[in-house]
């Protein structure tokens, strides 16, 4: 194996679970309607609960305006009926990424970590307590290591999903392409000076303490396993929280793009996530706003955590 091949494999290993396919893989073209999920028979749908849900009215463009999109209705909020018997909250990639002092290189290239920590401390405890106390189904989507494989919820997902499908065949890389991969690793993400810290961080990856699974809660590392858990519990609507909304939650294994292929409605909790931001977007978190718009347009709905939690409490009151 050449030195270049070794470097490329190392880079891929470091970025496992970080959604390296950012910007690729979304299967819902903007010019076509989203597929309709399978219908649940009325007699087994169970009681519904009304939840204020944000949606985005992406019509009508006004061609009398200089910018036709300014005619869109935009963000709107509506009380809608949801069957919580067929809904699950998904905690995805809620990781303990250590401290900045321990992994400075990781924190230099993934600066949403402190934002995620603040959400884990301020939002997750009450949110997950509410979900668990009400008996609402709670799943966890994982990746990036071995930290989850001892949990019974993961072992159940593996058994339900059956033997894994073979990995897709990949094209052979020529030396020029390998050099381009190395250039991107060194100069785009994660940066040559950060590679060692990122690898060390993923080698000891774990659940954040506020997001650790409890009891038999289902744990999936890919869409096939998550779908198996959904079938077991008759779940057709997944409400995502975790990190990050425009990266892992959309495009990583078990994320919205993959689950939509199974007919699952995928929504998000606004205050329980953050995004990968760039230099230009970070100050006002525009990447998060665009990702939430993308969720509302292509996948499901956006809920405020307080609205969602109040509805869950009433559901079992």
C-alpha atoms as a PDB file:
ATOM      1  CA  UNK A   1       0.000   0.000   0.000  1.00  0.00           C
ATOM      2  CA  UNK A   2       1.413   3.397  -0.981  1.00  0.00           C
ATOM      3  CA  UNK A   3       1.994   6.221   1.454  1.00  0.00           C
ATOM      4  CA  UNK A   4      -0.678   8.260  -0.333  1.00  0.00           C
ATOM      5  CA  UNK A   5      -3.220   5.458   0.009  1.00  0.00           C
ATOM      6  CA  UNK A   6      -2.495   5.193   3.751  1.00  0.00           C
ATOM      7  CA  UNK A   7      -3.029   8.933   4.182  1.00  0.00           C
ATOM      8  CA  UNK A   8      -6.321   8.823   2.322  1.00  0.00           C
ATOM      9  CA  UNK A   9      -7.666   5.950   4.421  1.00  0.00           C
ATOM     10  CA  UNK A  10      -6.619   7.711   7.611  1.00  0.00           C
ATOM     11  CA  UNK A  11      -8.506  10.798   6.561  1.00  0.00           C
ATOM     12  CA  UNK A  12     -11.635   8.806   5.853  1.00  0.00           C
ATOM     13  CA  UNK A  13     -11.395   7.063   9.206  1.00  0.00           C
ATOM     14  CA  UNK A  14     -11.030  10.375  11.016  1.00  0.00           C
ATOM     15  CA  UNK A  15     -14.127  11.776   9.391  1.00  0.00           C
ATOM     16  CA  UNK A  16     -16.326   8.717   9.935  1.00  0.00           C
ATOM     17  CA  UNK A  17     -19.723   9.830  11.146  1.00  0.00           C
ATOM     18  CA  UNK A  18     -19.083  13.488  10.330  1.00  0.00           C
ATOM     19  CA  UNK A  19     -21.085  13.508   7.127  1.00  0.00           C
ATOM     20  CA  UNK A  20     -18.259  13.906   4.621  1.00  0.00           C
ATOM     21  CA  UNK A  21     -20.822  13.933   1.832  1.00  0.00           C
ATOM     22  CA  UNK A  22     -21.983  17.436   2.775  1.00  0.00           C
ATOM     23  CA  UNK A  23     -24.078  18.800  -0.005  1.00  0.00           C
ATOM     24  CA  UNK A  24     -24.552  15.462  -1.754  1.00  0.00           C
ATOM     25  CA  UNK A  25     -27.074  12.680  -1.542  1.00  0.00           C
ATOM     26  CA  UNK A  26     -30.324  14.610  -1.044  1.00  0.00           C
ATOM     27  CA  UNK A  27     -32.870  12.677  -3.065  1.00  0.00           C
ATOM     28  CA  UNK A  28     -35.725  15.174  -3.207  1.00  0.00           C
ATOM     29  CA  UNK A  29     -35.349  17.499  -6.208  1.00  0.00           C
ATOM     30  CA  UNK A  30     -36.672  20.966  -5.450  1.00  0.00           C
ATOM     31  CA  UNK A  31     -38.865  20.934  -8.555  1.00  0.00           C
ATOM     32  CA  UNK A  32     -40.758  17.779  -7.610  1.00  0.00           C
ATOM     33  CA  UNK A  33     -43.065  17.025  -4.667  1.00  0.00           C
ATOM     34  CA  UNK A  34     -41.801  14.888  -1.808  1.00  0.00           C
ATOM     35  CA  UNK A  35     -42.981  11.265  -1.846  1.00  0.00           C
ATOM     36  CA  UNK A  36     -46.112  10.499   0.155  1.00  0.00           C
ATOM     37  CA  UNK A  37     -45.539   8.282   3.201  1.00  0.00           C
ATOM     38  CA  UNK A  38     -47.432   5.049   3.650  1.00  0.00           C
ATOM     39  CA  UNK A  39     -50.952   5.540   5.023  1.00  0.00           C
ATOM     40  CA  UNK A  40     -51.701   4.363   8.559  1.00  0.00           C
ATOM     41  CA  UNK A  41     -55.165   2.868   8.885  1.00  0.00           C
ATOM     42  CA  UNK A  42     -57.514   5.082  10.861  1.00  0.00           C
ATOM     43  CA  UNK A  43     -58.451   2.383  13.355  1.00  0.00           C
ATOM     44  CA  UNK A  44     -54.832   1.990  14.516  1.00  0.00           C
ATOM     45  CA  UNK A  45     -53.754   5.618  14.279  1.00  0.00           C
ATOM     46  CA  UNK A  46     -54.613   6.277  17.905  1.00  0.00           C
ATOM     47  CA  UNK A  47     -55.555   9.605  19.470  1.00  0.00           C
ATOM     48  CA  UNK A  48     -53.963  12.723  18.085  1.00  0.00           C
ATOM     49  CA  UNK A  49     -52.487  15.745  19.802  1.00  0.00           C
ATOM     50  CA  UNK A  50     -52.323  19.253  18.383  1.00  0.00           C
ATOM     51  CA  UNK A  51     -48.853  20.742  18.146  1.00  0.00           C
ATOM     52  CA  UNK A  52     -47.922  24.197  16.789  1.00  0.00           C
ATOM     53  CA  UNK A  53     -45.745  23.380  13.784  1.00  0.00           C
ATOM     54  CA  UNK A  54     -43.655  25.656  11.614  1.00  0.00           C
ATOM     55  CA  UNK A  55     -43.850  25.144   7.862  1.00  0.00           C
ATOM     56  CA  UNK A  56     -42.537  27.173   4.939  1.00  0.00           C
ATOM     57  CA  UNK A  57     -44.849  28.413   2.181  1.00  0.00           C
ATOM     58  CA  UNK A  58     -42.573  28.228  -0.857  1.00  0.00           C
ATOM     59  CA  UNK A  59     -45.006  29.875  -3.297  1.00  0.00           C
ATOM     60  CA  UNK A  60     -46.085  32.038  -5.127  1.00  0.00           C
ATOM     61  CA  UNK A  61     -43.162  33.816  -6.729  1.00  0.00           C
ATOM     62  CA  UNK A  62     -44.052  37.409  -7.620  1.00  0.00           C
ATOM     63  CA  UNK A  63     -42.514  38.378 -10.938  1.00  0.00           C
ATOM     64  CA  UNK A  64     -43.540  41.985 -10.447  1.00  0.00           C
ATOM     65  CA  UNK A  65     -40.830  42.146  -7.798  1.00  0.00           C
ATOM     66  CA  UNK A  66     -37.142  42.527  -8.532  1.00  0.00           C
ATOM     67  CA  UNK A  67     -36.578  39.321  -6.551  1.00  0.00           C
ATOM     68  CA  UNK A  68     -39.539  36.996  -7.360  1.00  0.00           C
ATOM     69  CA  UNK A  69     -38.942  34.812  -4.286  1.00  0.00           C
ATOM     70  CA  UNK A  70     -39.933  37.768  -2.106  1.00  0.00           C
ATOM     71  CA  UNK A  71     -43.504  36.889  -3.010  1.00  0.00           C
ATOM     72  CA  UNK A  72     -43.330  33.586  -1.119  1.00  0.00           C
ATOM     73  CA  UNK A  73     -45.483  33.225   1.974  1.00  0.00           C
ATOM     74  CA  UNK A  74     -42.405  32.258   3.990  1.00  0.00           C
ATOM     75  CA  UNK A  75     -42.451  30.882   7.525  1.00  0.00           C
ATOM     76  CA  UNK A  76     -45.884  30.174   8.979  1.00  0.00           C
ATOM     77  CA  UNK A  77     -47.071  28.403  12.124  1.00  0.00           C
ATOM     78  CA  UNK A  78     -50.142  26.201  12.370  1.00  0.00           C
ATOM     79  CA  UNK A  79     -51.628  23.914  15.014  1.00  0.00           C
ATOM     80  CA  UNK A  80     -51.705  20.471  13.391  1.00  0.00           C
ATOM     81  CA  UNK A  81     -52.783  17.030  14.563  1.00  0.00           C
ATOM     82  CA  UNK A  82     -50.040  14.453  15.140  1.00  0.00           C
ATOM     83  CA  UNK A  83     -50.238  10.850  16.282  1.00  0.00           C
ATOM     84  CA  UNK A  84     -47.598  10.549  18.975  1.00  0.00           C
ATOM     85  CA  UNK A  85     -48.193   6.793  19.073  1.00  0.00           C
ATOM     86  CA  UNK A  86     -46.519   6.775  15.657  1.00  0.00           C
ATOM     87  CA  UNK A  87     -43.904   9.447  16.424  1.00  0.00           C
ATOM     88  CA  UNK A  88     -40.402   9.080  17.847  1.00  0.00           C
ATOM     89  CA  UNK A  89     -37.815  11.620  18.934  1.00  0.00           C
ATOM     90  CA  UNK A  90     -34.364  10.916  17.484  1.00  0.00           C
ATOM     91  CA  UNK A  91     -31.211  12.066  19.235  1.00  0.00           C
ATOM     92  CA  UNK A  92     -28.470  12.028  16.595  1.00  0.00           C
ATOM     93  CA  UNK A  93     -24.713  12.407  17.094  1.00  0.00           C
ATOM     94  CA  UNK A  94     -24.993  14.032  20.512  1.00  0.00           C
ATOM     95  CA  UNK A  95     -21.336  13.457  21.282  1.00  0.00           C
ATOM     96  CA  UNK A  96     -18.938  14.113  24.099  1.00  0.00           C
ATOM     97  CA  UNK A  97     -16.111  15.733  22.141  1.00  0.00           C
ATOM     98  CA  UNK A  98     -13.859  16.271  25.137  1.00  0.00           C
ATOM     99  CA  UNK A  99     -12.401  19.655  25.972  1.00  0.00           C
ATOM    100  CA  UNK A 100     -10.660  22.276  23.880  1.00  0.00           C
ATOM    101  CA  UNK A 101      -7.532  21.788  25.962  1.00  0.00           C
ATOM    102  CA  UNK A 102      -7.494  18.042  25.276  1.00  0.00           C
ATOM    103  CA  UNK A 103      -8.328  18.219  21.548  1.00  0.00           C
ATOM    104  CA  UNK A 104      -7.434  21.721  20.295  1.00  0.00           C
ATOM    105  CA  UNK A 105      -7.218  20.628  16.655  1.00  0.00           C
ATOM    106  CA  UNK A 106     -10.716  19.113  16.708  1.00  0.00           C
ATOM    107  CA  UNK A 107     -12.196  22.246  18.229  1.00  0.00           C
ATOM    108  CA  UNK A 108     -10.382  24.432  15.678  1.00  0.00           C
ATOM    109  CA  UNK A 109     -12.144  22.762  12.744  1.00  0.00           C
ATOM    110  CA  UNK A 110     -15.477  21.953  14.455  1.00  0.00           C
ATOM    111  CA  UNK A 111     -16.338  25.142  16.366  1.00  0.00           C
ATOM    112  CA  UNK A 112     -19.984  24.203  16.776  1.00  0.00           C
ATOM    113  CA  UNK A 113     -18.872  21.943  19.641  1.00  0.00           C
ATOM    114  CA  UNK A 114     -19.312  24.655  22.317  1.00  0.00           C
ATOM    115  CA  UNK A 115     -22.738  25.519  20.899  1.00  0.00           C
ATOM    116  CA  UNK A 116     -23.706  21.849  21.085  1.00  0.00           C
ATOM    117  CA  UNK A 117     -22.489  21.657  24.686  1.00  0.00           C
ATOM    118  CA  UNK A 118     -24.676  24.639  25.639  1.00  0.00           C
ATOM    119  CA  UNK A 119     -27.708  22.953  24.060  1.00  0.00           C
ATOM    120  CA  UNK A 120     -26.926  19.673  25.788  1.00  0.00           C
ATOM    121  CA  UNK A 121     -26.787  21.427  29.153  1.00  0.00           C
ATOM    122  CA  UNK A 122     -29.733  23.828  28.756  1.00  0.00           C
ATOM    123  CA  UNK A 123     -32.199  22.008  26.500  1.00  0.00           C
ATOM    124  CA  UNK A 124     -31.611  18.246  26.520  1.00  0.00           C
ATOM    125  CA  UNK A 125     -32.254  17.385  30.197  1.00  0.00           C
ATOM    126  CA  UNK A 126     -35.796  18.741  30.324  1.00  0.00           C
ATOM    127  CA  UNK A 127     -36.623  17.708  26.749  1.00  0.00           C
ATOM    128  CA  UNK A 128     -35.546  14.084  27.164  1.00  0.00           C
ATOM    129  CA  UNK A 129     -37.076  13.869  30.627  1.00  0.00           C
ATOM    130  CA  UNK A 130     -40.405  15.012  29.175  1.00  0.00           C
ATOM    131  CA  UNK A 131     -40.177  12.491  26.333  1.00  0.00           C
ATOM    132  CA  UNK A 132     -39.315   9.609  28.660  1.00  0.00           C
ATOM    133  CA  UNK A 133     -41.871  10.469  31.336  1.00  0.00           C
ATOM    134  CA  UNK A 134     -44.619  10.549  28.717  1.00  0.00           C
ATOM    135  CA  UNK A 135     -43.597   7.219  27.228  1.00  0.00           C
ATOM    136  CA  UNK A 136     -42.905   8.748  23.806  1.00  0.00           C
ATOM    137  CA  UNK A 137     -40.574   6.568  21.750  1.00  0.00           C
ATOM    138  CA  UNK A 138     -36.956   7.728  21.863  1.00  0.00           C
ATOM    139  CA  UNK A 139     -34.276   6.531  19.452  1.00  0.00           C
ATOM    140  CA  UNK A 140     -30.578   7.321  19.168  1.00  0.00           C
ATOM    141  CA  UNK A 141     -28.597   7.523  15.918  1.00  0.00           C
ATOM    142  CA  UNK A 142     -24.881   6.976  16.394  1.00  0.00           C
ATOM    143  CA  UNK A 143     -21.660   6.767  14.441  1.00  0.00           C
ATOM    144  CA  UNK A 144     -17.960   7.362  14.546  1.00  0.00           C
ATOM    145  CA  UNK A 145     -16.731   4.616  16.856  1.00  0.00           C
ATOM    146  CA  UNK A 146     -17.506   1.614  19.032  1.00  0.00           C
ATOM    147  CA  UNK A 147     -18.932   3.431  22.058  1.00  0.00           C
ATOM    148  CA  UNK A 148     -22.549   2.338  21.495  1.00  0.00           C
ATOM    149  CA  UNK A 149     -22.177  -1.357  20.653  1.00  0.00           C
ATOM    150  CA  UNK A 150     -22.499  -2.618  24.236  1.00  0.00           C
ATOM    151  CA  UNK A 151     -25.995  -1.148  24.684  1.00  0.00           C
ATOM    152  CA  UNK A 152     -28.999  -3.499  24.432  1.00  0.00           C
ATOM    153  CA  UNK A 153     -30.868  -1.037  22.224  1.00  0.00           C
ATOM    154  CA  UNK A 154     -28.158  -1.308  19.584  1.00  0.00           C
ATOM    155  CA  UNK A 155     -28.028  -5.078  19.766  1.00  0.00           C
ATOM    156  CA  UNK A 156     -31.810  -5.168  19.272  1.00  0.00           C
ATOM    157  CA  UNK A 157     -31.564  -2.916  16.210  1.00  0.00           C
ATOM    158  CA  UNK A 158     -28.906  -5.179  14.690  1.00  0.00           C
ATOM    159  CA  UNK A 159     -31.070  -8.247  15.261  1.00  0.00           C
ATOM    160  CA  UNK A 160     -34.169  -6.576  13.816  1.00  0.00           C
ATOM    161  CA  UNK A 161     -32.365  -5.262  10.729  1.00  0.00           C
ATOM    162  CA  UNK A 162     -30.751  -8.590   9.884  1.00  0.00           C
ATOM    163  CA  UNK A 163     -27.463  -9.062   8.025  1.00  0.00           C
ATOM    164  CA  UNK A 164     -25.980  -5.821   6.721  1.00  0.00           C
ATOM    165  CA  UNK A 165     -26.224  -5.091   3.044  1.00  0.00           C
ATOM    166  CA  UNK A 166     -22.926  -5.226   1.130  1.00  0.00           C
ATOM    167  CA  UNK A 167     -21.120  -1.915   0.897  1.00  0.00           C
ATOM    168  CA  UNK A 168     -21.441  -0.228  -2.508  1.00  0.00           C
ATOM    169  CA  UNK A 169     -18.570  -0.808  -4.875  1.00  0.00           C
ATOM    170  CA  UNK A 170     -16.249   2.187  -5.091  1.00  0.00           C
ATOM    171  CA  UNK A 171     -14.256   3.463  -8.010  1.00  0.00           C
ATOM    172  CA  UNK A 172     -10.504   2.912  -8.055  1.00  0.00           C
ATOM    173  CA  UNK A 173      -8.579   6.101  -7.384  1.00  0.00           C
ATOM    174  CA  UNK A 174      -5.718   7.073  -9.626  1.00  0.00           C
ATOM    175  CA  UNK A 175      -2.684   8.912  -8.162  1.00  0.00           C
ATOM    176  CA  UNK A 176      -3.968  12.327  -9.256  1.00  0.00           C
ATOM    177  CA  UNK A 177      -7.305  11.787  -7.538  1.00  0.00           C
ATOM    178  CA  UNK A 178      -5.494  10.605  -4.395  1.00  0.00           C
ATOM    179  CA  UNK A 179      -3.478  13.803  -4.420  1.00  0.00           C
ATOM    180  CA  UNK A 180      -6.669  15.836  -4.687  1.00  0.00           C
ATOM    181  CA  UNK A 181      -8.135  13.956  -1.715  1.00  0.00           C
ATOM    182  CA  UNK A 182      -5.035  14.725   0.293  1.00  0.00           C
ATOM    183  CA  UNK A 183      -5.127  18.381  -0.755  1.00  0.00           C
ATOM    184  CA  UNK A 184      -8.716  18.677   0.445  1.00  0.00           C
ATOM    185  CA  UNK A 185      -7.889  17.021   3.756  1.00  0.00           C
ATOM    186  CA  UNK A 186      -4.948  19.379   4.280  1.00  0.00           C
ATOM    187  CA  UNK A 187      -6.535  22.587   3.015  1.00  0.00           C
ATOM    188  CA  UNK A 188     -10.355  22.335   3.145  1.00  0.00           C
ATOM    189  CA  UNK A 189     -11.303  20.160   6.134  1.00  0.00           C
ATOM    190  CA  UNK A 190     -10.003  19.202   8.658  1.00  0.00           C
ATOM    191  CA  UNK A 191      -6.643  20.866   8.046  1.00  0.00           C
ATOM    192  CA  UNK A 192      -3.233  19.232   8.173  1.00  0.00           C
ATOM    193  CA  UNK A 193      -2.442  20.573  11.641  1.00  0.00           C
ATOM    194  CA  UNK A 194      -5.742  19.243  13.040  1.00  0.00           C
ATOM    195  CA  UNK A 195      -5.772  15.681  11.706  1.00  0.00           C
ATOM    196  CA  UNK A 196      -4.078  14.026  14.654  1.00  0.00           C
ATOM    197  CA  UNK A 197      -6.397  15.629  17.231  1.00  0.00           C
ATOM    198  CA  UNK A 198      -9.512  14.721  15.241  1.00  0.00           C
ATOM    199  CA  UNK A 199      -8.398  11.109  15.026  1.00  0.00           C
ATOM    200  CA  UNK A 200      -7.624  11.011  18.762  1.00  0.00           C
ATOM    201  CA  UNK A 201     -11.052  12.475  19.481  1.00  0.00           C
ATOM    202  CA  UNK A 202     -12.892   9.903  17.409  1.00  0.00           C
ATOM    203  CA  UNK A 203     -10.865   7.112  18.943  1.00  0.00           C
ATOM    204  CA  UNK A 204     -12.406   7.917  22.353  1.00  0.00           C
ATOM    205  CA  UNK A 205     -15.797   9.137  21.169  1.00  0.00           C
ATOM    206  CA  UNK A 206     -18.760   8.648  23.514  1.00  0.00           C
ATOM    207  CA  UNK A 207     -22.296   9.809  24.175  1.00  0.00           C
ATOM    208  CA  UNK A 208     -22.618  13.181  25.826  1.00  0.00           C
ATOM    209  CA  UNK A 209     -23.746  12.511  29.409  1.00  0.00           C
ATOM    210  CA  UNK A 210     -27.033  14.355  28.823  1.00  0.00           C
ATOM    211  CA  UNK A 211     -27.803  12.159  25.784  1.00  0.00           C
ATOM    212  CA  UNK A 212     -26.818   8.698  26.985  1.00  0.00           C
ATOM    213  CA  UNK A 213     -29.430   6.027  26.169  1.00  0.00           C
ATOM    214  CA  UNK A 214     -31.502   4.664  29.026  1.00  0.00           C
ATOM    215  CA  UNK A 215     -32.698   1.071  29.320  1.00  0.00           C
ATOM    216  CA  UNK A 216     -33.833  -0.494  26.058  1.00  0.00           C
ATOM    217  CA  UNK A 217     -34.024   2.697  23.964  1.00  0.00           C
ATOM    218  CA  UNK A 218     -33.299   1.831  20.346  1.00  0.00           C
ATOM    219  CA  UNK A 219     -29.875   2.700  18.947  1.00  0.00           C
ATOM    220  CA  UNK A 220     -29.118   2.670  15.208  1.00  0.00           C
ATOM    221  CA  UNK A 221     -25.944   3.330  13.255  1.00  0.00           C
ATOM    222  CA  UNK A 222     -27.626   3.469   9.840  1.00  0.00           C
ATOM    223  CA  UNK A 223     -30.971   3.874   8.133  1.00  0.00           C
ATOM    224  CA  UNK A 224     -31.584   0.149   7.781  1.00  0.00           C
ATOM    225  CA  UNK A 225     -31.370  -0.317  11.552  1.00  0.00           C
ATOM    226  CA  UNK A 226     -33.402   2.804  12.286  1.00  0.00           C
ATOM    227  CA  UNK A 227     -36.120   1.663   9.893  1.00  0.00           C
ATOM    228  CA  UNK A 228     -36.194  -1.725  11.622  1.00  0.00           C
ATOM    229  CA  UNK A 229     -36.746   0.044  14.949  1.00  0.00           C
ATOM    230  CA  UNK A 230     -39.480   2.160  13.365  1.00  0.00           C
ATOM    231  CA  UNK A 231     -41.269  -0.928  12.033  1.00  0.00           C
ATOM    232  CA  UNK A 232     -41.087  -2.591  15.429  1.00  0.00           C
ATOM    233  CA  UNK A 233     -42.842   0.368  17.067  1.00  0.00           C
ATOM    234  CA  UNK A 234     -45.068   1.383  14.097  1.00  0.00           C
ATOM    235  CA  UNK A 235     -43.290   4.730  13.809  1.00  0.00           C
ATOM    236  CA  UNK A 236     -43.819   6.843  10.685  1.00  0.00           C
ATOM    237  CA  UNK A 237     -42.676  10.264  11.956  1.00  0.00           C
ATOM    238  CA  UNK A 238     -39.214  11.029  13.334  1.00  0.00           C
ATOM    239  CA  UNK A 239     -38.483  14.296  15.149  1.00  0.00           C
ATOM    240  CA  UNK A 240     -34.735  14.963  15.127  1.00  0.00           C
ATOM    241  CA  UNK A 241     -32.489  16.761  17.561  1.00  0.00           C
ATOM    242  CA  UNK A 242     -28.706  16.666  17.848  1.00  0.00           C
ATOM    243  CA  UNK A 243     -25.786  17.856  15.808  1.00  0.00           C
ATOM    244  CA  UNK A 244     -25.524  19.189  13.224  1.00  0.00           C
ATOM    245  CA  UNK A 245     -28.770  20.052  11.426  1.00  0.00           C
ATOM    246  CA  UNK A 246     -27.210  20.870   8.040  1.00  0.00           C
ATOM    247  CA  UNK A 247     -24.682  18.043   8.054  1.00  0.00           C
ATOM    248  CA  UNK A 248     -25.276  14.805   9.972  1.00  0.00           C
ATOM    249  CA  UNK A 249     -29.009  15.169  10.610  1.00  0.00           C
ATOM    250  CA  UNK A 250     -29.662  15.638   6.909  1.00  0.00           C
ATOM    251  CA  UNK A 251     -27.087  13.468   5.184  1.00  0.00           C
ATOM    252  CA  UNK A 252     -25.306  11.005   7.475  1.00  0.00           C
ATOM    253  CA  UNK A 253     -26.481   7.374   7.811  1.00  0.00           C
ATOM    254  CA  UNK A 254     -29.799   7.404   9.653  1.00  0.00           C
ATOM    255  CA  UNK A 255     -30.370  11.034   8.733  1.00  0.00           C
ATOM    256  CA  UNK A 256     -33.399  12.569   7.055  1.00  0.00           C
ATOM    257  CA  UNK A 257     -32.399  12.024   3.428  1.00  0.00           C
ATOM    258  CA  UNK A 258     -31.947   8.319   4.052  1.00  0.00           C
ATOM    259  CA  UNK A 259     -35.075   7.882   6.172  1.00  0.00           C
ATOM    260  CA  UNK A 260     -37.284   9.688   3.677  1.00  0.00           C
ATOM    261  CA  UNK A 261     -36.557   6.854   1.241  1.00  0.00           C
ATOM    262  CA  UNK A 262     -38.438   4.585   3.652  1.00  0.00           C
ATOM    263  CA  UNK A 263     -41.494   6.853   3.652  1.00  0.00           C
ATOM    264  CA  UNK A 264     -40.726   8.405   7.048  1.00  0.00           C
ATOM    265  CA  UNK A 265     -41.780  11.994   7.756  1.00  0.00           C
ATOM    266  CA  UNK A 266     -38.765  13.791   9.254  1.00  0.00           C
ATOM    267  CA  UNK A 267     -39.052  16.919  11.399  1.00  0.00           C
ATOM    268  CA  UNK A 268     -36.680  18.885  13.650  1.00  0.00           C
ATOM    269  CA  UNK A 269     -36.622  20.631  17.032  1.00  0.00           C
ATOM    270  CA  UNK A 270     -35.294  24.146  16.471  1.00  0.00           C
ATOM    271  CA  UNK A 271     -33.710  24.845  19.868  1.00  0.00           C
ATOM    272  CA  UNK A 272     -32.238  21.334  20.211  1.00  0.00           C
ATOM    273  CA  UNK A 273     -29.793  21.555  17.321  1.00  0.00           C
ATOM    274  CA  UNK A 274     -27.097  23.733  15.816  1.00  0.00           C
ATOM    275  CA  UNK A 275     -25.324  23.809  12.452  1.00  0.00           C
ATOM    276  CA  UNK A 276     -21.948  23.700  10.798  1.00  0.00           C
ATOM    277  CA  UNK A 277     -21.396  27.380  10.045  1.00  0.00           C
ATOM    278  CA  UNK A 278     -18.833  29.119   7.867  1.00  0.00           C
ATOM    279  CA  UNK A 279     -16.891  32.342   8.339  1.00  0.00           C
ATOM    280  CA  UNK A 280     -19.631  34.386   6.720  1.00  0.00           C
ATOM    281  CA  UNK A 281     -22.659  32.724   8.344  1.00  0.00           C
ATOM    282  CA  UNK A 282     -21.554  32.018  11.905  1.00  0.00           C
ATOM    283  CA  UNK A 283     -22.352  35.351  13.538  1.00  0.00           C
ATOM    284  CA  UNK A 284     -26.088  35.066  12.823  1.00  0.00           C
ATOM    285  CA  UNK A 285     -26.173  31.276  12.337  1.00  0.00           C
ATOM    286  CA  UNK A 286     -27.549  31.571   8.829  1.00  0.00           C
ATOM    287  CA  UNK A 287     -26.524  27.997   7.967  1.00  0.00           C
ATOM    288  CA  UNK A 288     -28.850  26.758  10.710  1.00  0.00           C
ATOM    289  CA  UNK A 289     -31.688  28.908   9.401  1.00  0.00           C
ATOM    290  CA  UNK A 290     -31.221  27.623   5.858  1.00  0.00           C
ATOM    291  CA  UNK A 291     -31.087  24.027   7.090  1.00  0.00           C
ATOM    292  CA  UNK A 292     -34.341  24.443   9.028  1.00  0.00           C
ATOM    293  CA  UNK A 293     -35.927  25.881   5.877  1.00  0.00           C
ATOM    294  CA  UNK A 294     -34.666  22.839   3.993  1.00  0.00           C
ATOM    295  CA  UNK A 295     -36.243  20.533   6.593  1.00  0.00           C
ATOM    296  CA  UNK A 296     -39.572  22.360   6.378  1.00  0.00           C
ATOM    297  CA  UNK A 297     -39.530  22.389   2.594  1.00  0.00           C
ATOM    298  CA  UNK A 298     -38.294  18.889   1.787  1.00  0.00           C
ATOM    299  CA  UNK A 299     -38.794  16.633   4.813  1.00  0.00           C
ATOM    300  CA  UNK A 300     -41.369  17.570   7.469  1.00  0.00           C
ATOM    301  CA  UNK A 301     -41.960  20.305  10.044  1.00  0.00           C
ATOM    302  CA  UNK A 302     -39.989  22.414  12.515  1.00  0.00           C
ATOM    303  CA  UNK A 303     -41.108  22.515  16.142  1.00  0.00           C
ATOM    304  CA  UNK A 304     -40.154  24.849  18.950  1.00  0.00           C
ATOM    305  CA  UNK A 305     -39.019  22.730  21.885  1.00  0.00           C
ATOM    306  CA  UNK A 306     -41.425  24.384  24.344  1.00  0.00           C
ATOM    307  CA  UNK A 307     -44.423  23.810  22.050  1.00  0.00           C
ATOM    308  CA  UNK A 308     -43.457  20.202  21.459  1.00  0.00           C
ATOM    309  CA  UNK A 309     -42.825  19.509  25.154  1.00  0.00           C
ATOM    310  CA  UNK A 310     -46.180  21.013  26.208  1.00  0.00           C
ATOM    311  CA  UNK A 311     -47.992  18.825  23.713  1.00  0.00           C
ATOM    312  CA  UNK A 312     -46.164  15.697  24.874  1.00  0.00           C
ATOM    313  CA  UNK A 313     -47.069  16.447  28.499  1.00  0.00           C
ATOM    314  CA  UNK A 314     -50.753  16.859  27.605  1.00  0.00           C
ATOM    315  CA  UNK A 315     -50.679  13.636  25.589  1.00  0.00           C
ATOM    316  CA  UNK A 316     -50.198  11.486  28.707  1.00  0.00           C
ATOM    317  CA  UNK A 317     -51.861  13.796  31.222  1.00  0.00           C
END
